[in-house]
Amino acid sequence: MVRILLAEDDEIMRISVSDGLKQFNWQVDEAENGEQAKKLFDKNHYNVVISDIRMPGMDGISLLGHVLKQSPDTEVVIMTAFGSVDDAIDCLRQGASEYILKPFDMDDLIIRVNRLLDAQAMRTRCELLEENCRDQHDRKLLGSSQAMQQVHQTIEKVA
């Protein structure tokens, strides 16, 4: 099941976005500030984190850094009503997957989240295929002599 963490200090916005996401049978955990989001994130695994930038206490940029440090594969969507091109570039450079200006169309957010989930699933499939190929390849090469060990090491470096 897809799990999403939503960090938004504006209650109406938080409920609206959460309800929109839940229509797709995604599990959505809500946090009203960055600190609460950080605590939830540290206890659970999330596919996607959606966070406002400006929140009391820990802001969205700090939350972004924490999330990516703990779980680099987690997708992070930053949303803000006070955005600029420089802010967007800064967020994306720091690792945000998406940057969206409020107010936004809920369909736009859903499209972005679906695209991120598809990319995440594709990366997982690729990793499994690579692992499977490596396992298959390892079974074909027999021998434990020093020469064969060097062949295995060379293959690992190339792969």
C-alpha atoms as a PDB file:
ATOM      1  CA  MET A   1       0.000   0.000   0.000  1.00  0.00           C
ATOM      2  CA  VAL A   2       1.185   3.491  -0.825  1.00  0.00           C
ATOM      3  CA  ARG A   3       1.919   5.618   2.231  1.00  0.00           C
ATOM      4  CA  ILE A   4       2.088   9.378   2.052  1.00  0.00           C
ATOM      5  CA  LEU A   5       3.112  11.828   4.757  1.00  0.00           C
ATOM      6  CA  LEU A   6       1.486  15.240   4.414  1.00  0.00           C
ATOM      7  CA  ALA A   7       2.986  18.159   6.370  1.00  0.00           C
ATOM      8  CA  GLU A   8       0.870  21.314   6.167  1.00  0.00           C
ATOM      9  CA  ASP A   9       0.156  23.846   8.919  1.00  0.00           C
ATOM     10  CA  ASP A  10      -3.001  25.239   7.290  1.00  0.00           C
ATOM     11  CA  GLU A  11      -5.769  22.919   8.505  1.00  0.00           C
ATOM     12  CA  ILE A  12      -8.159  23.537   5.609  1.00  0.00           C
ATOM     13  CA  MET A  13      -5.421  22.922   3.041  1.00  0.00           C
ATOM     14  CA  ARG A  14      -4.182  19.834   4.904  1.00  0.00           C
ATOM     15  CA  ILE A  15      -7.651  18.275   5.059  1.00  0.00           C
ATOM     16  CA  SER A  16      -8.394  19.136   1.435  1.00  0.00           C
ATOM     17  CA  VAL A  17      -5.164  17.632   0.105  1.00  0.00           C
ATOM     18  CA  SER A  18      -5.450  14.606   2.385  1.00  0.00           C
ATOM     19  CA  ASP A  19      -9.002  13.890   1.246  1.00  0.00           C
ATOM     20  CA  GLY A  20      -7.938  14.180  -2.391  1.00  0.00           C
ATOM     21  CA  LEU A  21      -5.082  11.723  -1.901  1.00  0.00           C
ATOM     22  CA  LYS A  22      -7.228   9.253   0.032  1.00  0.00           C
ATOM     23  CA  GLN A  23      -9.584   8.954  -2.949  1.00  0.00           C
ATOM     24  CA  PHE A  24      -6.877   6.813  -4.539  1.00  0.00           C
ATOM     25  CA  ASN A  25      -6.804   4.451  -1.548  1.00  0.00           C
ATOM     26  CA  TRP A  26      -3.458   5.797  -0.465  1.00  0.00           C
ATOM     27  CA  GLN A  27      -2.762   5.855   3.258  1.00  0.00           C
ATOM     28  CA  VAL A  28      -2.172   9.460   4.266  1.00  0.00           C
ATOM     29  CA  ASP A  29      -0.697  10.490   7.615  1.00  0.00           C
ATOM     30  CA  GLU A  30      -1.123  14.163   8.439  1.00  0.00           C
ATOM     31  CA  ALA A  31       1.217  16.456  10.348  1.00  0.00           C
ATOM     32  CA  GLU A  32       0.481  20.075  11.202  1.00  0.00           C
ATOM     33  CA  ASN A  33       4.149  21.078  11.371  1.00  0.00           C
ATOM     34  CA  GLY A  34       7.632  19.919  10.476  1.00  0.00           C
ATOM     35  CA  GLU A  35       8.468  18.502  13.897  1.00  0.00           C
ATOM     36  CA  GLN A  36       5.351  16.350  13.951  1.00  0.00           C
ATOM     37  CA  ALA A  37       6.112  15.202  10.394  1.00  0.00           C
ATOM     38  CA  LYS A  38       9.683  14.311  11.392  1.00  0.00           C
ATOM     39  CA  LYS A  39       8.421  12.171  14.285  1.00  0.00           C
ATOM     40  CA  LEU A  40       5.958  10.351  12.032  1.00  0.00           C
ATOM     41  CA  PHE A  41       8.618   9.858   9.363  1.00  0.00           C
ATOM     42  CA  ASP A  42      11.080   8.401  11.868  1.00  0.00           C
ATOM     43  CA  LYS A  43       8.484   5.812  12.962  1.00  0.00           C
ATOM     44  CA  ASN A  44       7.108   4.790   9.554  1.00  0.00           C
ATOM     45  CA  HIS A  45       8.068   4.131   5.946  1.00  0.00           C
ATOM     46  CA  TYR A  46       6.600   6.525   3.380  1.00  0.00           C
ATOM     47  CA  ASN A  47       6.697   6.357  -0.396  1.00  0.00           C
ATOM     48  CA  VAL A  48       6.078  10.089  -0.699  1.00  0.00           C
ATOM     49  CA  VAL A  49       6.343  13.091   1.618  1.00  0.00           C
ATOM     50  CA  ILE A  50       4.385  16.210   0.666  1.00  0.00           C
ATOM     51  CA  SER A  51       5.388  19.263   2.661  1.00  0.00           C
ATOM     52  CA  ASP A  52       4.686  22.957   2.821  1.00  0.00           C
ATOM     53  CA  ILE A  53       7.818  25.097   3.040  1.00  0.00           C
ATOM     54  CA  ARG A  54       6.682  27.642   5.613  1.00  0.00           C
ATOM     55  CA  MET A  55       5.578  25.988   8.835  1.00  0.00           C
ATOM     56  CA  PRO A  56       6.157  26.917  12.452  1.00  0.00           C
ATOM     57  CA  GLY A  57       9.233  25.310  13.965  1.00  0.00           C
ATOM     58  CA  MET A  58      10.884  22.976  11.499  1.00  0.00           C
ATOM     59  CA  ASP A  59      10.270  24.212   7.958  1.00  0.00           C
ATOM     60  CA  GLY A  60       9.792  22.129   4.826  1.00  0.00           C
ATOM     61  CA  ILE A  61      13.388  22.552   3.654  1.00  0.00           C
ATOM     62  CA  SER A  62      14.719  21.145   6.932  1.00  0.00           C
ATOM     63  CA  LEU A  63      12.209  18.294   6.708  1.00  0.00           C
ATOM     64  CA  LEU A  64      13.357  17.621   3.128  1.00  0.00           C
ATOM     65  CA  GLY A  65      16.956  17.302   4.322  1.00  0.00           C
ATOM     66  CA  HIS A  66      15.980  14.971   7.155  1.00  0.00           C
ATOM     67  CA  VAL A  67      13.861  12.751   4.911  1.00  0.00           C
ATOM     68  CA  LEU A  68      16.519  12.386   2.226  1.00  0.00           C
ATOM     69  CA  LYS A  69      19.255  11.734   4.783  1.00  0.00           C
ATOM     70  CA  GLN A  70      17.231   8.933   6.379  1.00  0.00           C
ATOM     71  CA  SER A  71      15.651   7.536   3.202  1.00  0.00           C
ATOM     72  CA  PRO A  72      17.104   8.749  -0.107  1.00  0.00           C
ATOM     73  CA  ASP A  73      14.534   6.768  -2.107  1.00  0.00           C
ATOM     74  CA  THR A  74      11.582   8.620  -0.601  1.00  0.00           C
ATOM     75  CA  GLU A  75      10.028  11.086  -3.023  1.00  0.00           C
ATOM     76  CA  VAL A  76       9.502  14.593  -1.613  1.00  0.00           C
ATOM     77  CA  VAL A  77       7.034  17.121  -3.008  1.00  0.00           C
ATOM     78  CA  ILE A  78       7.465  20.679  -1.763  1.00  0.00           C
ATOM     79  CA  MET A  79       4.481  23.019  -1.939  1.00  0.00           C
ATOM     80  CA  THR A  80       4.297  26.708  -1.136  1.00  0.00           C
ATOM     81  CA  ALA A  81       2.176  29.793  -1.577  1.00  0.00           C
ATOM     82  CA  PHE A  82       5.250  32.041  -1.427  1.00  0.00           C
ATOM     83  CA  GLY A  83       7.378  30.553  -4.168  1.00  0.00           C
ATOM     84  CA  SER A  84       9.945  32.047  -6.441  1.00  0.00           C
ATOM     85  CA  VAL A  85      12.140  30.623  -9.170  1.00  0.00           C
ATOM     86  CA  ASP A  86      15.110  30.750  -6.784  1.00  0.00           C
ATOM     87  CA  ASP A  87      13.155  28.827  -4.122  1.00  0.00           C
ATOM     88  CA  ALA A  88      12.157  26.187  -6.662  1.00  0.00           C
ATOM     89  CA  ILE A  89      15.724  25.764  -7.896  1.00  0.00           C
ATOM     90  CA  ASP A  90      17.010  25.569  -4.315  1.00  0.00           C
ATOM     91  CA  CYS A  91      14.469  22.884  -3.357  1.00  0.00           C
ATOM     92  CA  LEU A  92      15.175  20.806  -6.449  1.00  0.00           C
ATOM     93  CA  ARG A  93      18.941  21.102  -5.917  1.00  0.00           C
ATOM     94  CA  GLN A  94      18.484  19.880  -2.358  1.00  0.00           C
ATOM     95  CA  GLY A  95      16.708  16.784  -3.656  1.00  0.00           C
ATOM     96  CA  ALA A  96      13.001  17.583  -3.846  1.00  0.00           C
ATOM     97  CA  SER A  97      11.278  15.495  -6.497  1.00  0.00           C
ATOM     98  CA  GLU A  98       8.633  18.121  -7.249  1.00  0.00           C
ATOM     99  CA  TYR A  99       7.889  21.742  -6.408  1.00  0.00           C
ATOM    100  CA  ILE A 100       4.318  22.998  -6.668  1.00  0.00           C
ATOM    101  CA  LEU A 101       2.835  26.451  -6.095  1.00  0.00           C
ATOM    102  CA  LYS A 102      -0.356  26.959  -4.096  1.00  0.00           C
ATOM    103  CA  PRO A 103      -3.102  27.213  -4.959  1.00  0.00           C
ATOM    104  CA  PHE A 104      -2.850  24.200  -7.246  1.00  0.00           C
ATOM    105  CA  ASP A 105      -5.253  21.912  -9.005  1.00  0.00           C
ATOM    106  CA  MET A 106      -5.631  18.642  -7.098  1.00  0.00           C
ATOM    107  CA  ASP A 107      -5.474  16.724 -10.380  1.00  0.00           C
ATOM    108  CA  ASP A 108      -2.031  18.238 -10.998  1.00  0.00           C
ATOM    109  CA  LEU A 109      -0.789  17.000  -7.622  1.00  0.00           C
ATOM    110  CA  ILE A 110      -2.259  13.534  -8.245  1.00  0.00           C
ATOM    111  CA  ILE A 111      -0.541  13.340 -11.642  1.00  0.00           C
ATOM    112  CA  ARG A 112       2.775  14.307 -10.069  1.00  0.00           C
ATOM    113  CA  VAL A 113       2.425  11.804  -7.220  1.00  0.00           C
ATOM    114  CA  ASN A 114       1.463   9.023  -9.641  1.00  0.00           C
ATOM    115  CA  ARG A 115       4.472   9.841 -11.812  1.00  0.00           C
ATOM    116  CA  LEU A 116       6.755   9.674  -8.756  1.00  0.00           C
ATOM    117  CA  LEU A 117       5.236   6.367  -7.636  1.00  0.00           C
ATOM    118  CA  ASP A 118       5.668   4.923 -11.138  1.00  0.00           C
ATOM    119  CA  ALA A 119       9.324   5.991 -11.186  1.00  0.00           C
ATOM    120  CA  GLN A 120       9.834   4.525  -7.718  1.00  0.00           C
ATOM    121  CA  ALA A 121       8.309   1.203  -8.815  1.00  0.00           C
ATOM    122  CA  MET A 122      10.460   1.189 -11.951  1.00  0.00           C
ATOM    123  CA  ARG A 123      13.639   1.739  -9.913  1.00  0.00           C
ATOM    124  CA  THR A 124      12.672  -1.144  -7.630  1.00  0.00           C
ATOM    125  CA  ARG A 125      12.057  -3.429 -10.616  1.00  0.00           C
ATOM    126  CA  CYS A 126      15.399  -2.451 -12.155  1.00  0.00           C
ATOM    127  CA  GLU A 127      17.226  -3.167  -8.909  1.00  0.00           C
ATOM    128  CA  LEU A 128      15.579  -6.596  -8.684  1.00  0.00           C
ATOM    129  CA  LEU A 129      16.447  -7.375 -12.309  1.00  0.00           C
ATOM    130  CA  GLU A 130      20.058  -6.300 -11.794  1.00  0.00           C
ATOM    131  CA  GLU A 131      20.287  -8.490  -8.716  1.00  0.00           C
ATOM    132  CA  ASN A 132      18.715 -11.405 -10.561  1.00  0.00           C
ATOM    133  CA  CYS A 133      21.101 -10.976 -13.505  1.00  0.00           C
ATOM    134  CA  ARG A 134      24.074 -10.799 -11.171  1.00  0.00           C
ATOM    135  CA  ASP A 135      22.930 -13.987  -9.403  1.00  0.00           C
ATOM    136  CA  GLN A 136      22.419 -15.780 -12.742  1.00  0.00           C
ATOM    137  CA  HIS A 137      25.793 -14.599 -13.997  1.00  0.00           C
ATOM    138  CA  ASP A 138      27.559 -15.705 -10.825  1.00  0.00           C
ATOM    139  CA  ARG A 139      26.136 -19.196 -11.208  1.00  0.00           C
ATOM    140  CA  LYS A 140      27.577 -19.530 -14.713  1.00  0.00           C
ATOM    141  CA  LEU A 141      31.155 -18.802 -13.672  1.00  0.00           C
ATOM    142  CA  LEU A 142      32.647 -21.666 -11.750  1.00  0.00           C
ATOM    143  CA  GLY A 143      35.933 -21.901 -10.005  1.00  0.00           C
ATOM    144  CA  SER A 144      37.588 -20.367  -6.995  1.00  0.00           C
ATOM    145  CA  SER A 145      41.147 -20.032  -8.181  1.00  0.00           C
ATOM    146  CA  GLN A 146      42.897 -16.707  -7.847  1.00  0.00           C
ATOM    147  CA  ALA A 147      42.395 -16.076 -11.576  1.00  0.00           C
ATOM    148  CA  MET A 148      38.640 -16.710 -11.303  1.00  0.00           C
ATOM    149  CA  GLN A 149      38.420 -14.452  -8.251  1.00  0.00           C
ATOM    150  CA  GLN A 150      40.022 -11.678 -10.297  1.00  0.00           C
ATOM    151  CA  VAL A 151      37.471 -12.293 -13.074  1.00  0.00           C
ATOM    152  CA  HIS A 152      34.632 -12.013 -10.529  1.00  0.00           C
ATOM    153  CA  GLN A 153      36.105  -8.785  -9.130  1.00  0.00           C
ATOM    154  CA  THR A 154      36.452  -7.293 -12.602  1.00  0.00           C
ATOM    155  CA  ILE A 155      32.842  -8.181 -13.406  1.00  0.00           C
ATOM    156  CA  GLU A 156      31.661  -6.571 -10.166  1.00  0.00           C
ATOM    157  CA  LYS A 157      33.550  -3.366 -10.987  1.00  0.00           C
ATOM    158  CA  VAL A 158      32.045  -3.217 -14.467  1.00  0.00           C
ATOM    159  CA  ALA A 159      28.490  -4.055 -13.309  1.00  0.00           C
END
